[in-house]
N, C-alpha and C. Protein backbone atom coordinates (compact mmCIF):
# COMPACT_ATOMS: atom_id res chain seq x y z
N MET A 1 21.24 83.18 110.52
CA MET A 1 22.76 83.22 109.56
C MET A 1 23.50 82.41 109.65
N GLY A 2 24.14 81.89 108.51
CA GLY A 2 25.27 80.70 108.70
C GLY A 2 25.01 79.44 108.25
N ALA A 3 26.91 79.37 108.04
CA ALA A 3 27.42 78.16 107.38
C ALA A 3 27.68 76.61 107.85
N TYR A 4 26.83 76.26 107.05
CA TYR A 4 26.73 74.60 108.10
C TYR A 4 27.09 73.66 106.87
N LEU A 5 27.38 71.94 107.29
CA LEU A 5 27.89 71.08 106.45
C LEU A 5 26.33 70.65 106.21
N ARG A 6 26.50 69.95 105.01
CA ARG A 6 25.71 68.87 104.70
C ARG A 6 26.48 68.13 104.07
N GLY A 7 26.94 66.42 104.91
CA GLY A 7 27.30 65.66 104.28
C GLY A 7 28.70 66.18 104.02
N CYS A 8 29.35 66.49 102.82
CA CYS A 8 30.55 67.26 102.92
C CYS A 8 31.17 68.00 102.20
N TRP A 9 29.59 69.04 101.83
CA TRP A 9 29.72 70.48 101.01
C TRP A 9 29.57 71.06 102.01
N TRP A 10 29.62 72.33 102.41
CA TRP A 10 29.35 73.45 102.94
C TRP A 10 27.98 74.28 102.18
N TRP A 11 26.70 74.87 103.11
CA TRP A 11 26.28 75.07 102.29
C TRP A 11 26.05 76.35 103.50
N TYR A 12 25.23 77.52 102.88
CA TYR A 12 25.03 78.77 103.61
C TYR A 12 22.83 79.13 103.60
N LYS A 13 22.67 79.34 104.77
CA LYS A 13 20.54 79.85 105.50
C LYS A 13 21.04 80.69 105.88
N ARG A 14 20.02 81.90 104.91
CA ARG A 14 20.15 83.65 105.86
C ARG A 14 17.92 83.32 105.42
N THR A 15 17.87 84.20 106.90
CA THR A 15 16.05 84.50 106.38
C THR A 15 15.94 86.36 106.54
N LEU A 16 15.47 86.94 105.29
CA LEU A 16 15.33 88.27 105.30
C LEU A 16 14.26 88.23 105.01
N ASP A 17 13.39 89.25 106.11
CA ASP A 17 11.95 89.43 105.75
C ASP A 17 10.97 88.48 106.37
N GLY A 18 11.65 87.33 107.08
CA GLY A 18 10.56 86.16 107.29
C GLY A 18 10.72 84.95 106.15
N ARG A 19 11.52 85.28 104.87
CA ARG A 19 12.02 84.20 104.28
C ARG A 19 13.34 84.17 103.80
N LEU A 20 12.91 82.15 103.91
CA LEU A 20 14.54 81.29 104.47
C LEU A 20 15.28 81.18 102.88
N TYR A 21 16.28 81.63 102.73
CA TYR A 21 16.84 81.57 101.67
C TYR A 21 18.73 80.01 102.26
N GLN A 22 18.59 78.92 101.52
CA GLN A 22 19.44 78.30 101.67
C GLN A 22 20.14 78.15 99.93
N LYS A 23 21.89 77.82 100.23
CA LYS A 23 22.46 78.60 99.17
C LYS A 23 23.83 77.03 98.93
N PRO A 24 24.18 76.39 97.83
CA PRO A 24 24.80 75.45 98.16
C PRO A 24 26.42 76.31 98.12
N LEU A 25 27.52 76.43 98.70
CA LEU A 25 28.60 77.11 98.64
C LEU A 25 29.25 76.89 97.81
N LYS A 26 29.09 75.54 97.17
CA LYS A 26 29.84 74.65 96.24
C LYS A 26 31.23 74.38 96.57
N VAL A 27 31.74 74.43 98.17
CA VAL A 27 32.98 73.87 99.06
C VAL A 27 32.60 72.86 99.42
N ARG A 28 33.69 71.70 99.32
CA ARG A 28 33.79 71.19 99.91
C ARG A 28 35.03 71.10 101.77
N LYS A 29 34.36 70.08 102.03
CA LYS A 29 34.89 69.89 103.67
C LYS A 29 36.12 69.91 103.45
N GLY A 30 36.78 70.44 103.72
CA GLY A 30 38.59 70.59 104.01
C GLY A 30 38.62 71.73 102.96
N GLN A 31 37.90 72.88 102.23
CA GLN A 31 38.90 73.56 101.76
C GLN A 31 38.10 74.79 102.45
N GLU A 32 37.92 74.84 103.91
CA GLU A 32 37.66 76.23 103.99
C GLU A 32 38.31 77.23 104.28
N SER A 33 39.45 77.49 103.66
CA SER A 33 40.12 78.63 103.25
C SER A 33 39.09 79.28 102.14
N MET A 34 38.49 78.95 101.49
CA MET A 34 37.72 79.88 100.83
C MET A 34 35.89 79.90 101.39
N LEU A 35 36.01 79.35 102.51
CA LEU A 35 35.07 79.59 103.05
C LEU A 35 34.14 80.67 102.80
N SER A 36 34.67 82.19 103.61
CA SER A 36 34.10 83.20 103.85
C SER A 36 33.60 84.21 102.88
N ALA A 37 35.18 83.74 101.33
CA ALA A 37 34.90 84.61 100.49
C ALA A 37 33.47 84.07 99.65
N ARG A 38 33.32 82.11 99.67
CA ARG A 38 31.95 82.10 99.28
C ARG A 38 30.22 82.64 99.81
N ILE A 39 30.98 82.59 100.54
CA ILE A 39 29.77 83.74 102.01
C ILE A 39 29.48 84.71 101.37
N ALA A 40 30.18 85.63 101.57
CA ALA A 40 29.83 86.54 101.24
C ALA A 40 29.32 86.80 99.45
N GLN A 41 30.11 86.33 98.47
CA GLN A 41 29.35 86.47 97.57
C GLN A 41 28.08 85.76 98.07
N GLU A 42 27.34 84.54 98.00
CA GLU A 42 26.30 83.66 98.45
C GLU A 42 25.58 85.17 98.84
N ASP A 43 26.14 85.77 99.63
CA ASP A 43 24.95 87.13 100.88
C ASP A 43 24.71 87.89 99.60
N ALA A 44 25.78 88.24 99.18
CA ALA A 44 25.85 89.37 98.16
C ALA A 44 24.75 89.15 96.96
N ALA A 45 24.10 87.96 96.66
CA ALA A 45 23.44 87.30 95.83
C ALA A 45 22.20 87.26 96.23
N ILE A 46 21.91 86.54 97.49
CA ILE A 46 20.96 86.69 98.12
C ILE A 46 19.92 88.07 98.83
N VAL A 47 20.89 88.79 99.25
CA VAL A 47 20.22 90.17 98.78
C VAL A 47 19.68 90.76 97.93
N ALA A 48 20.86 90.68 96.97
CA ALA A 48 19.85 91.04 95.21
C ALA A 48 19.09 90.42 94.89
N LEU A 49 18.69 89.16 94.92
CA LEU A 49 17.34 88.37 94.83
C LEU A 49 16.22 88.66 95.65
N HIS A 50 16.42 88.94 96.78
CA HIS A 50 15.36 89.53 97.74
C HIS A 50 14.99 90.82 97.36
N TYR A 51 15.62 91.93 97.46
CA TYR A 51 15.47 92.91 96.83
C TYR A 51 15.03 93.81 95.44
N ARG A 52 15.32 91.97 94.65
CA ARG A 52 15.63 92.98 93.58
C ARG A 52 16.19 94.02 93.07
N LEU A 53 17.30 93.50 93.32
CA LEU A 53 18.19 94.98 93.27
C LEU A 53 19.53 94.55 92.02
N GLY A 54 19.23 93.28 90.93
CA GLY A 54 19.63 92.66 89.97
C GLY A 54 21.08 92.24 90.70
N VAL A 55 21.75 91.52 89.18
CA VAL A 55 22.84 90.79 89.69
C VAL A 55 23.93 91.16 90.51
N PRO A 56 25.11 90.70 91.83
CA PRO A 56 25.93 91.10 92.23
C PRO A 56 27.04 91.90 91.11
N ALA A 57 28.08 92.33 91.57
CA ALA A 57 29.26 92.28 90.57
C ALA A 57 29.91 91.04 90.66
N GLY A 58 30.13 90.99 88.90
CA GLY A 58 30.48 89.49 88.64
C GLY A 58 30.26 88.73 88.43
N GLY A 59 28.53 88.97 88.45
CA GLY A 59 27.28 87.94 87.64
C GLY A 59 27.04 88.50 86.42
N LYS A 60 25.99 87.44 85.84
CA LYS A 60 25.54 88.28 83.94
C LYS A 60 23.74 88.06 84.72
N ALA A 61 23.44 88.76 84.16
CA ALA A 61 21.73 88.89 84.11
C ALA A 61 21.53 89.10 82.70
N ILE A 62 20.79 88.28 82.31
CA ILE A 62 19.94 88.34 80.96
C ILE A 62 18.77 88.14 81.65
N ALA A 63 18.13 88.98 80.45
CA ALA A 63 16.38 89.47 80.62
C ALA A 63 15.87 88.15 79.36
N LEU A 64 14.72 87.68 79.37
CA LEU A 64 13.92 86.50 78.65
C LEU A 64 13.72 87.16 77.84
N SER A 65 13.55 88.22 77.05
CA SER A 65 13.16 89.28 75.34
C SER A 65 15.17 88.95 75.11
N LYS A 66 15.94 88.78 76.17
CA LYS A 66 17.34 88.88 75.23
C LYS A 66 17.57 87.06 75.56
N PHE A 67 17.51 86.45 76.14
CA PHE A 67 17.46 84.90 75.68
C PHE A 67 17.00 84.44 74.60
N ILE A 68 15.33 84.93 74.16
CA ILE A 68 14.95 84.04 73.42
C ILE A 68 15.69 84.01 72.00
N PRO A 69 16.53 85.07 71.67
CA PRO A 69 16.95 85.56 69.99
C PRO A 69 17.46 84.33 70.91
N ARG A 70 19.07 84.19 71.83
CA ARG A 70 20.48 83.50 71.77
C ARG A 70 19.61 82.03 71.69
N TYR A 71 19.17 81.27 72.52
CA TYR A 71 18.50 80.17 72.52
C TYR A 71 18.08 79.85 71.25
N LEU A 72 16.83 80.31 70.94
CA LEU A 72 16.71 80.04 68.93
C LEU A 72 18.06 80.16 68.29
N GLU A 73 18.88 81.29 68.22
CA GLU A 73 19.65 80.68 67.65
C GLU A 73 20.86 79.98 67.71
N THR A 74 20.68 78.89 68.87
CA THR A 74 21.65 77.51 68.78
C THR A 74 20.68 76.42 68.24
N LYS A 75 19.82 76.62 68.40
CA LYS A 75 18.32 75.53 68.17
C LYS A 75 18.51 75.91 66.50
N ARG A 76 18.86 76.89 65.45
CA ARG A 76 18.53 77.03 64.27
C ARG A 76 18.26 75.32 63.13
N ASP A 77 19.17 75.04 63.38
CA ASP A 77 19.60 73.77 62.67
C ASP A 77 18.24 72.37 63.20
N LYS A 78 17.60 72.67 64.02
CA LYS A 78 16.54 71.75 64.67
C LYS A 78 15.66 71.32 64.01
N LYS A 79 14.84 70.83 63.58
CA LYS A 79 13.34 70.52 63.04
C LYS A 79 11.99 71.16 63.80
N THR A 80 12.62 71.44 65.39
CA THR A 80 11.13 71.81 65.86
C THR A 80 11.55 73.23 66.74
N ILE A 81 12.87 74.23 65.26
CA ILE A 81 12.65 75.55 65.92
C ILE A 81 11.30 76.35 65.63
N ASP A 82 10.36 75.69 64.95
CA ASP A 82 9.35 76.92 64.84
C ASP A 82 8.59 76.07 65.74
N ARG A 83 8.17 75.15 66.49
CA ARG A 83 7.30 75.10 67.76
C ARG A 83 8.03 75.73 68.94
N ASP A 84 9.50 75.39 69.06
CA ASP A 84 10.15 76.61 69.83
C ASP A 84 9.84 78.14 69.94
N ARG A 85 9.82 78.12 68.66
CA ARG A 85 9.85 80.13 69.00
C ARG A 85 8.23 80.54 69.13
N GLN A 86 6.93 79.49 68.06
CA GLN A 86 5.89 80.13 68.89
C GLN A 86 5.24 79.81 70.30
N ARG A 87 5.78 78.85 71.17
CA ARG A 87 6.29 78.59 72.45
C ARG A 87 6.92 79.70 73.12
N LEU A 88 7.91 80.11 72.60
CA LEU A 88 8.75 81.11 73.64
C LEU A 88 8.19 82.37 73.31
N ASP A 89 7.38 82.92 72.15
CA ASP A 89 6.75 84.33 71.99
C ASP A 89 5.17 84.35 72.38
N TYR A 90 5.02 82.72 72.67
CA TYR A 90 3.66 82.94 73.20
C TYR A 90 4.11 82.85 75.29
N ILE A 91 4.92 82.38 75.71
CA ILE A 91 5.67 82.08 77.17
C ILE A 91 6.02 84.07 76.72
N ALA A 92 6.47 84.44 76.63
CA ALA A 92 7.32 85.67 76.70
C ALA A 92 5.91 87.09 76.39
N SER A 93 4.89 86.41 75.52
CA SER A 93 3.57 87.63 76.14
C SER A 93 2.95 87.48 77.00
N LEU A 94 3.45 86.53 78.01
CA LEU A 94 2.14 86.37 79.40
C LEU A 94 3.54 86.15 80.62
N LEU A 95 4.53 86.48 80.53
CA LEU A 95 5.83 86.49 81.87
C LEU A 95 5.84 87.90 81.95
N PRO A 96 6.87 88.69 82.68
CA PRO A 96 7.11 89.93 82.89
C PRO A 96 8.63 89.68 82.41
N ASP A 97 9.19 90.74 81.52
CA ASP A 97 10.52 90.34 81.20
C ASP A 97 11.42 91.12 82.35
N LEU A 98 11.48 89.72 82.89
CA LEU A 98 12.79 89.74 84.10
C LEU A 98 14.45 88.60 83.60
N PRO A 99 15.26 89.10 84.31
CA PRO A 99 16.58 88.32 84.16
C PRO A 99 15.92 87.26 84.40
N LEU A 100 16.94 86.30 83.85
CA LEU A 100 15.74 84.83 83.99
C LEU A 100 15.89 84.59 85.84
N ASN A 101 17.20 84.45 86.62
CA ASN A 101 17.11 84.01 87.76
C ASN A 101 16.20 85.25 88.86
N PHE A 102 15.25 86.06 88.05
CA PHE A 102 14.83 86.59 89.13
C PHE A 102 13.08 85.67 89.14
N TYR A 103 12.70 85.16 88.11
CA TYR A 103 11.90 84.26 88.20
C TYR A 103 11.99 83.52 88.81
N THR A 104 10.35 82.70 89.43
CA THR A 104 10.09 81.90 90.60
C THR A 104 9.68 81.59 90.62
N LYS A 105 8.96 80.14 91.59
CA LYS A 105 7.82 78.91 91.47
C LYS A 105 6.58 79.66 91.04
N ALA A 106 6.58 80.74 91.85
CA ALA A 106 5.09 81.71 91.56
C ALA A 106 4.94 82.20 90.17
N HIS A 107 6.16 82.48 89.70
CA HIS A 107 5.29 83.00 88.10
C HIS A 107 4.88 82.04 87.40
N PHE A 108 5.41 80.56 87.22
CA PHE A 108 5.06 79.83 86.14
C PHE A 108 4.07 78.44 86.91
N GLU A 109 3.45 79.47 88.55
CA GLU A 109 2.80 78.33 88.64
C GLU A 109 1.96 79.38 88.12
N ARG A 110 1.98 80.98 88.60
CA ARG A 110 0.58 81.69 88.16
C ARG A 110 0.46 81.73 86.25
N LEU A 111 1.18 81.11 85.46
CA LEU A 111 1.57 80.63 83.81
C LEU A 111 0.58 79.51 83.80
N GLU A 112 0.31 78.81 84.59
CA GLU A 112 -0.23 77.40 84.65
C GLU A 112 -1.55 78.14 84.83
N LYS A 113 -1.45 78.88 86.00
CA LYS A 113 -3.52 78.79 86.34
C LYS A 113 -4.39 79.74 85.06
N LYS A 114 -3.08 80.87 84.50
CA LYS A 114 -3.85 81.50 82.95
C LYS A 114 -4.02 80.56 82.04
N GLN A 115 -3.14 79.27 81.61
CA GLN A 115 -3.87 78.83 80.75
C GLN A 115 -4.44 77.29 80.89
N ALA A 116 -4.92 77.00 81.92
CA ALA A 116 -5.37 75.72 82.81
C ALA A 116 -7.02 76.03 82.33
N GLY A 117 -7.38 75.29 82.03
CA GLY A 117 -8.68 75.20 81.73
C GLY A 117 -9.77 74.44 82.99
N PRO A 118 -10.93 74.55 83.16
CA PRO A 118 -11.42 73.70 84.39
C PRO A 118 -11.17 72.37 84.91
N LEU A 119 -11.24 71.78 83.74
CA LEU A 119 -10.36 70.28 84.04
C LEU A 119 -8.55 70.60 84.02
N GLY A 120 -7.63 71.45 83.75
CA GLY A 120 -6.22 71.28 84.36
C GLY A 120 -5.78 71.40 82.70
N LYS A 121 -6.84 70.77 81.51
CA LYS A 121 -6.29 71.12 80.45
C LYS A 121 -5.99 72.30 80.18
N PHE A 122 -4.91 72.84 79.30
CA PHE A 122 -5.05 74.11 78.01
C PHE A 122 -6.33 73.96 77.35
N ARG A 123 -6.49 75.09 77.23
CA ARG A 123 -7.65 75.74 76.73
C ARG A 123 -8.20 75.10 75.13
N ASP A 124 -7.41 74.49 74.48
CA ASP A 124 -7.03 73.71 73.18
C ASP A 124 -7.18 72.63 73.96
N GLY A 125 -6.94 72.09 74.71
CA GLY A 125 -7.49 70.55 75.01
C GLY A 125 -6.23 69.91 75.31
N ARG A 126 -4.94 70.31 75.03
CA ARG A 126 -3.74 69.48 75.48
C ARG A 126 -3.02 69.43 76.72
N GLY A 127 -2.65 68.89 77.34
CA GLY A 127 -2.16 68.58 78.40
C GLY A 127 -0.33 69.42 78.36
N HIS A 128 -0.17 69.88 77.66
CA HIS A 128 1.01 70.41 77.05
C HIS A 128 0.95 71.85 76.34
N ILE A 129 1.77 72.44 76.77
CA ILE A 129 1.70 73.80 75.85
C ILE A 129 2.45 73.27 74.40
């Protein structure tokens, strides 16, 4: 656990249950007065993420089921809205309804495995959803 410089930016490193977390503190070299507050914020966020406690105070968590309608509302004037709606509904049926910041690379790898056929293509023969 500790802060370190990478170039001219401060980063925070912490290990929990054998899993390493590295997060940028978004504090530049020379702004050390802000460092302890940012370390406390990032530490709380890492613990919340690791133990799935939700987002620490001051943060926003939005679940996939609440994000999809917002996303579609912003894209309502686009020509691809129908395709986006189909894709997002399909993906939502395969993924658990978690806050967006809880999804990990493993979730998307499992999603790809569910959809991939023996040659790595999707069941309908396309190379993408």
